[in-house]
């Protein structure tokens, strides 16, 4: 592979990295694209780990910070803050390869007839490359002109829309390390399924018994057999099962939003108060019955004698 001189670019490039708590990824992510970036813009949404400390130690990066609502909303806030016309958006769990760097450099070294470019991703699960099950066709629009492009679409999986419609496709892939652990997976799983169900509910969408059975079953059959996930071995099996459960959980969460019966705390509180009052009365009655005969009279005599003793 012939290395292209990045200083020959006619158009400058801002690389935007949206991130939160990415201390294990951010250093390698920046190192992979640093050569091609004329500006590095780190868009952080509230990291609590050492992510920003690592960025500051690397140097040469501009940091912007804001709360996270959805992926598209956050990225649309960051994009206009790029200093240069062309933007490459890279998630912290992605890596720009030398071949992709060369291809982007070549594009920016000449007059482009496109305003945005789709990039295929080489996906990894727990560090293993995934070649089937639909993951091999994963394509994202990540190289685009700042002023013509914004994220659109539902949930956290919206995509960039280039207003001119002039988009192309790059040949080389972006490496994507999707999940390093099941803890990482289920954190995103919870957010994605909850948000999707909420958006479906707001749009008036319904679910039913058939949807809960058919959709997950079809998802597994499609990913594992039709899209050859079976050829990825035990990793392919896990991904097909996760995909089916993901599809089921979105439907189940939608059902829960529309049909779940929330506890009425006021009724429970009233019941608890009445129960405590009954228990208190029963305990009082038991104490009265357990006292020896004449104890109350002796206690009354003792109490009545105290003022006289004090007077004496």
Protein backbone atom coordinates (compact mmCIF):
# COMPACT_ATOMS: atom_id res chain seq x y z
CA UNK A 1 0.00 0.00 0.00
CA UNK A 2 1.43 3.35 -1.10
CA UNK A 3 1.24 5.94 1.64
CA UNK A 4 -0.25 9.28 0.54
CA UNK A 5 1.13 12.55 1.91
CA UNK A 6 -1.64 13.97 4.11
CA UNK A 7 -0.21 17.48 3.72
CA UNK A 8 -1.42 17.47 0.12
CA UNK A 9 -5.08 17.65 1.14
CA UNK A 10 -6.90 20.58 -0.44
CA UNK A 11 -9.69 20.42 2.15
CA UNK A 12 -9.08 20.32 5.87
CA UNK A 13 -10.77 17.76 8.09
CA UNK A 14 -12.28 17.86 11.57
CA UNK A 15 -12.58 14.50 13.31
CA UNK A 16 -15.35 14.43 15.93
CA UNK A 17 -15.34 11.77 18.66
CA UNK A 18 -18.54 11.57 20.78
CA UNK A 19 -17.72 9.80 24.03
CA UNK A 20 -18.58 9.04 27.64
CA UNK A 21 -16.50 6.89 30.00
CA UNK A 22 -14.25 5.59 27.22
CA UNK A 23 -10.91 5.45 29.03
CA UNK A 24 -10.20 2.01 27.59
CA UNK A 25 -10.82 3.15 24.01
CA UNK A 26 -10.11 6.84 23.60
CA UNK A 27 -6.31 6.70 23.35
CA UNK A 28 -6.21 4.05 20.63
CA UNK A 29 -9.09 5.74 18.79
CA UNK A 30 -7.29 9.10 18.58
CA UNK A 31 -3.96 7.52 17.66
CA UNK A 32 -5.56 5.75 14.70
CA UNK A 33 -6.80 8.92 12.98
CA UNK A 34 -4.42 11.59 14.37
CA UNK A 35 -2.36 11.73 11.17
CA UNK A 36 -5.30 12.73 8.99
CA UNK A 37 -7.02 15.16 11.39
CA UNK A 38 -6.52 18.90 11.06
CA UNK A 39 -8.72 19.32 14.14
CA UNK A 40 -9.73 16.81 16.80
CA UNK A 41 -13.02 17.62 18.53
CA UNK A 42 -13.85 15.50 21.59
CA UNK A 43 -17.56 15.76 22.42
CA UNK A 44 -18.00 14.40 25.94
CA UNK A 45 -21.35 13.74 27.60
CA UNK A 46 -20.31 13.49 31.24
CA UNK A 47 -17.40 11.07 31.62
CA UNK A 48 -16.71 10.02 35.22
CA UNK A 49 -13.58 7.98 34.49
CA UNK A 50 -10.18 9.09 33.11
CA UNK A 51 -11.37 9.70 29.55
CA UNK A 52 -10.79 13.46 29.54
CA UNK A 53 -7.54 13.18 31.49
CA UNK A 54 -6.20 10.88 28.77
CA UNK A 55 -7.36 13.30 26.06
CA UNK A 56 -5.58 16.19 27.79
CA UNK A 57 -2.37 14.17 28.14
CA UNK A 58 -2.46 13.34 24.42
CA UNK A 59 -2.85 17.05 23.64
CA UNK A 60 -3.95 18.80 20.48
CA UNK A 61 -7.64 18.13 21.09
CA UNK A 62 -10.53 20.53 21.65
CA UNK A 63 -13.03 19.34 24.27
CA UNK A 64 -16.71 20.29 24.29
CA UNK A 65 -19.16 18.98 26.89
CA UNK A 66 -22.93 18.63 27.19
CA UNK A 67 -25.51 16.22 28.60
CA UNK A 68 -26.62 13.25 26.47
CA UNK A 69 -30.22 12.71 25.42
CA UNK A 70 -30.05 10.64 22.25
CA UNK A 71 -27.18 9.85 19.92
CA UNK A 72 -28.50 11.90 17.00
CA UNK A 73 -29.35 14.87 19.20
CA UNK A 74 -25.88 14.89 20.74
CA UNK A 75 -24.04 14.55 17.43
CA UNK A 76 -26.17 17.27 15.81
CA UNK A 77 -25.04 19.58 18.62
CA UNK A 78 -21.38 18.73 17.99
CA UNK A 79 -21.26 18.85 14.17
CA UNK A 80 -21.73 22.64 13.74
CA UNK A 81 -18.84 23.24 16.15
CA UNK A 82 -16.33 21.74 13.74
CA UNK A 83 -13.91 24.34 12.39
CA UNK A 84 -13.52 22.76 8.95
CA UNK A 85 -15.88 22.02 6.09
CA UNK A 86 -15.30 18.28 6.04
CA UNK A 87 -16.13 16.15 9.09
CA UNK A 88 -15.24 12.56 9.92
CA UNK A 89 -17.27 11.27 12.85
CA UNK A 90 -15.65 8.37 14.72
CA UNK A 91 -17.04 6.67 17.82
CA UNK A 92 -14.52 5.85 20.55
CA UNK A 93 -14.89 2.11 19.90
CA UNK A 94 -13.90 2.53 16.24
CA UNK A 95 -10.49 2.65 14.54
CA UNK A 96 -9.46 4.30 11.28
CA UNK A 97 -7.15 1.96 9.38
CA UNK A 98 -4.11 3.10 7.35
CA UNK A 99 -5.92 2.06 4.16
CA UNK A 100 -8.95 4.16 5.08
CA UNK A 101 -6.66 7.08 5.96
CA UNK A 102 -5.11 6.89 2.48
CA UNK A 103 -8.51 6.76 0.80
CA UNK A 104 -9.84 9.78 2.70
CA UNK A 105 -6.62 11.72 2.03
CA UNK A 106 -6.95 11.02 -1.69
CA UNK A 107 -10.55 12.27 -1.69
CA UNK A 108 -9.70 15.48 0.14
CA UNK A 109 -6.76 16.12 -2.18
CA UNK A 110 -9.03 16.68 -5.17
CA UNK A 111 -12.31 18.33 -6.03
CA UNK A 112 -15.05 16.02 -4.77
CA UNK A 113 -18.29 15.38 -6.62
CA UNK A 114 -19.87 14.08 -3.41
CA UNK A 115 -20.90 15.77 -0.17
CA UNK A 116 -20.89 12.63 1.98
CA UNK A 117 -19.56 9.07 2.01
CA UNK A 118 -20.79 5.76 3.43
CA UNK A 119 -18.15 3.65 5.16
CA UNK A 120 -18.46 -0.09 5.77
CA UNK A 121 -17.50 -1.34 9.22
CA UNK A 122 -15.49 -4.42 10.14
CA UNK A 123 -17.37 -5.40 13.30
CA UNK A 124 -15.92 -7.25 16.29
CA UNK A 125 -17.69 -8.90 19.24
CA UNK A 126 -15.62 -9.55 22.37
CA UNK A 127 -12.59 -8.94 20.17
CA UNK A 128 -13.63 -11.49 17.49
CA UNK A 129 -14.24 -10.40 13.89
CA UNK A 130 -17.82 -10.98 12.73
CA UNK A 131 -18.16 -11.85 9.05
CA UNK A 132 -21.78 -12.99 8.74
CA UNK A 133 -25.20 -12.62 10.31
CA UNK A 134 -25.80 -9.23 8.69
CA UNK A 135 -22.93 -7.60 10.55
CA UNK A 136 -20.80 -7.80 7.40
CA UNK A 137 -23.18 -5.37 5.64
CA UNK A 138 -23.01 -2.72 8.35
CA UNK A 139 -22.48 0.66 6.68
CA UNK A 140 -22.52 4.15 8.24
CA UNK A 141 -22.38 7.64 6.72
CA UNK A 142 -19.49 9.21 8.62
CA UNK A 143 -17.53 11.41 6.20
CA UNK A 144 -19.57 14.45 5.19
CA UNK A 145 -19.69 18.20 4.70
CA UNK A 146 -20.50 19.96 7.96
CA UNK A 147 -23.08 22.44 6.65
CA UNK A 148 -25.06 19.96 4.57
CA UNK A 149 -25.38 17.08 7.02
CA UNK A 150 -27.40 16.28 10.14
CA UNK A 151 -28.55 13.13 11.90
CA UNK A 152 -32.16 12.10 11.36
CA UNK A 153 -34.25 9.10 12.37
CA UNK A 154 -35.54 7.45 15.55
CA UNK A 155 -33.84 6.08 18.62
CA UNK A 156 -30.06 5.91 18.96
CA UNK A 157 -29.72 4.50 15.46
CA UNK A 158 -30.49 7.53 13.33
CA UNK A 159 -28.28 8.18 10.33
CA UNK A 160 -26.74 11.23 8.69
CA UNK A 161 -28.84 12.86 6.00
CA UNK A 162 -26.91 14.89 3.39
CA UNK A 163 -29.28 17.56 2.12
CA UNK A 164 -27.79 17.65 -1.39
CA UNK A 165 -28.28 13.90 -1.78
CA UNK A 166 -24.83 13.61 -3.36
CA UNK A 167 -23.28 10.69 -1.50
CA UNK A 168 -20.77 8.03 -2.39
CA UNK A 169 -19.25 4.98 -0.75
CA UNK A 170 -15.68 4.29 0.37
CA UNK A 171 -13.93 1.00 -0.34
CA UNK A 172 -12.01 0.55 2.90
CA UNK A 173 -13.60 -0.34 6.22
CA UNK A 174 -13.72 1.29 9.62
CA UNK A 175 -12.87 -1.16 12.41
CA UNK A 176 -15.61 -1.34 15.05
CA UNK A 177 -15.13 -3.03 18.44
CA UNK A 178 -18.82 -3.15 19.31
CA UNK A 179 -18.75 -4.84 22.73
CA UNK A 180 -15.86 -5.95 24.92
CA UNK A 181 -18.08 -7.54 27.60
CA UNK A 182 -21.66 -8.50 28.37
CA UNK A 183 -21.78 -5.74 30.99
CA UNK A 184 -21.06 -3.26 28.21
CA UNK A 185 -23.66 -4.89 25.97
CA UNK A 186 -26.48 -4.86 28.51
CA UNK A 187 -25.90 -1.21 29.44
CA UNK A 188 -26.55 -0.23 25.83
CA UNK A 189 -29.26 -2.88 25.48
CA UNK A 190 -31.27 -1.26 28.28
CA UNK A 191 -30.97 2.22 26.77
CA UNK A 192 -31.75 1.19 23.20
CA UNK A 193 -34.79 -0.97 24.00
CA UNK A 194 -36.27 1.55 26.45
CA UNK A 195 -35.90 4.46 24.07
CA UNK A 196 -37.34 2.55 21.12
CA UNK A 197 -40.38 1.46 23.14
CA UNK A 198 -40.99 5.02 24.31
CA UNK A 199 -40.83 6.34 20.75
CA UNK A 200 -43.19 3.64 19.50
CA UNK A 201 -45.60 4.43 22.31
CA UNK A 202 -45.51 8.15 21.49
CA UNK A 203 -46.26 7.30 17.85
CA UNK A 204 -49.28 5.22 18.87
CA UNK A 205 -47.81 1.87 17.87
CA UNK A 206 -49.26 -1.28 19.51
CA UNK A 207 -47.97 -4.78 20.10
CA UNK A 208 -49.66 -8.12 20.67
CA UNK A 209 -49.13 -11.83 21.31
CA UNK A 210 -48.31 -12.54 17.65
CA UNK A 211 -45.69 -9.77 17.46
CA UNK A 212 -43.91 -11.01 20.58
CA UNK A 213 -43.60 -14.52 19.16
CA UNK A 214 -43.14 -13.90 15.46
CA UNK A 215 -40.69 -11.00 15.38
CA UNK A 216 -37.98 -12.51 17.66
CA UNK A 217 -38.31 -15.91 15.96
CA UNK A 218 -37.93 -14.37 12.52
CA UNK A 219 -34.97 -12.27 13.69
CA UNK A 220 -33.12 -15.38 14.88
CA UNK A 221 -33.92 -17.36 11.72
CA UNK A 222 -32.86 -14.49 9.49
CA UNK A 223 -29.57 -13.71 11.29
CA UNK A 224 -28.47 -17.27 12.00
CA UNK A 225 -29.57 -19.12 8.87
CA UNK A 226 -30.43 -16.74 6.00
CA UNK A 227 -27.55 -14.36 6.72
CA UNK A 228 -25.24 -17.25 7.62
CA UNK A 229 -24.52 -16.27 11.23
CA UNK A 230 -24.03 -20.00 11.78
CA UNK A 231 -20.70 -19.68 9.94
CA UNK A 232 -19.37 -17.44 12.73
CA UNK A 233 -19.56 -20.41 15.11
CA UNK A 234 -20.49 -19.90 18.75
CA UNK A 235 -20.08 -16.12 18.36
CA UNK A 236 -22.67 -16.18 15.58
CA UNK A 237 -25.03 -18.17 17.80
CA UNK A 238 -24.68 -15.66 20.62
CA UNK A 239 -25.34 -12.73 18.31
CA UNK A 240 -28.42 -14.36 16.80
CA UNK A 241 -29.82 -15.08 20.27
CA UNK A 242 -29.05 -11.54 21.45
CA UNK A 243 -30.70 -10.11 18.33
CA UNK A 244 -33.85 -12.16 18.95
CA UNK A 245 -33.98 -11.14 22.61
CA UNK A 246 -33.40 -7.50 21.64
CA UNK A 247 -36.37 -7.66 19.27
CA UNK A 248 -38.54 -9.33 21.93
CA UNK A 249 -37.55 -6.83 24.63
CA UNK A 250 -38.56 -3.83 22.51
CA UNK A 251 -42.01 -5.36 22.07
CA UNK A 252 -42.24 -6.33 25.75
CA UNK A 253 -41.28 -2.84 26.91
CA UNK A 254 -43.90 -1.34 24.61
CA UNK A 255 -46.52 -3.68 26.11
CA UNK A 256 -45.42 -2.71 29.63
CA UNK A 257 -45.72 1.01 28.86
CA UNK A 258 -49.27 0.57 27.58
CA UNK A 259 -50.61 -2.24 29.79
CA UNK A 260 -48.48 -2.48 32.91
CA UNK A 261 -50.31 -1.76 36.17
CA UNK A 262 -48.26 0.49 38.40
CA UNK A 263 -48.57 0.10 42.19
CA UNK A 264 -50.86 2.64 43.89
CA UNK A 265 -48.70 3.72 46.76
CA UNK A 266 -51.48 5.62 48.52
CA UNK A 267 -53.56 2.46 48.86
CA UNK A 268 -50.58 0.46 50.10
CA UNK A 269 -49.78 3.21 52.59
CA UNK A 270 -53.34 3.24 53.95
CA UNK A 271 -53.30 -0.55 54.27
CA UNK A 272 -49.96 -0.44 56.08
CA UNK A 273 -51.21 2.21 58.53
CA UNK A 274 -54.36 0.19 59.33
CA UNK A 275 -52.28 -2.95 59.79
CA UNK A 276 -49.93 -1.16 62.18
CA UNK A 277 -52.86 0.19 64.19
CA UNK A 278 -54.37 -3.30 64.50
CA UNK A 279 -50.98 -4.75 65.51
CA UNK A 280 -50.50 -2.01 68.11
CA UNK A 281 -53.92 -2.65 69.63
CA UNK A 282 -53.31 -6.40 69.73
CA UNK A 283 -49.92 -5.97 71.40
CA UNK A 284 -51.48 -3.61 73.97
CA UNK A 285 -54.22 -6.10 74.75
CA UNK A 286 -51.69 -8.91 75.17
CA UNK A 287 -49.64 -6.80 77.59
CA UNK A 288 -52.68 -5.98 79.67
CA UNK A 289 -53.58 -9.66 79.95
CA UNK A 290 -50.04 -10.63 80.94
CA UNK A 291 -49.79 -8.24 83.91
CA UNK A 292 -50.14 -9.87 87.44
CA UNK A 293 -53.27 -9.02 89.37
CA UNK A 294 -52.93 -5.84 91.47
CA UNK A 295 -49.91 -4.56 89.48
CA UNK A 296 -51.86 -1.64 88.09
CA UNK A 297 -53.09 -0.65 91.60
CA UNK A 298 -49.56 -0.81 92.99
CA UNK A 299 -48.29 1.30 90.16
CA UNK A 300 -51.04 3.85 90.74
CA UNK A 301 -50.25 3.99 94.49
CA UNK A 302 -46.55 4.43 93.70
CA UNK A 303 -47.24 7.27 91.33
CA UNK A 304 -49.65 9.01 93.72
CA UNK A 305 -47.10 8.90 96.53
CA UNK A 306 -44.42 10.74 94.61
CA UNK A 307 -45.82 14.28 95.07
CA UNK A 308 -46.14 13.70 98.83
CA UNK A 309 -42.55 12.46 99.01
CA UNK A 310 -41.37 15.46 97.06
CA UNK A 311 -43.32 17.75 99.42
CA UNK A 312 -41.74 16.04 102.38
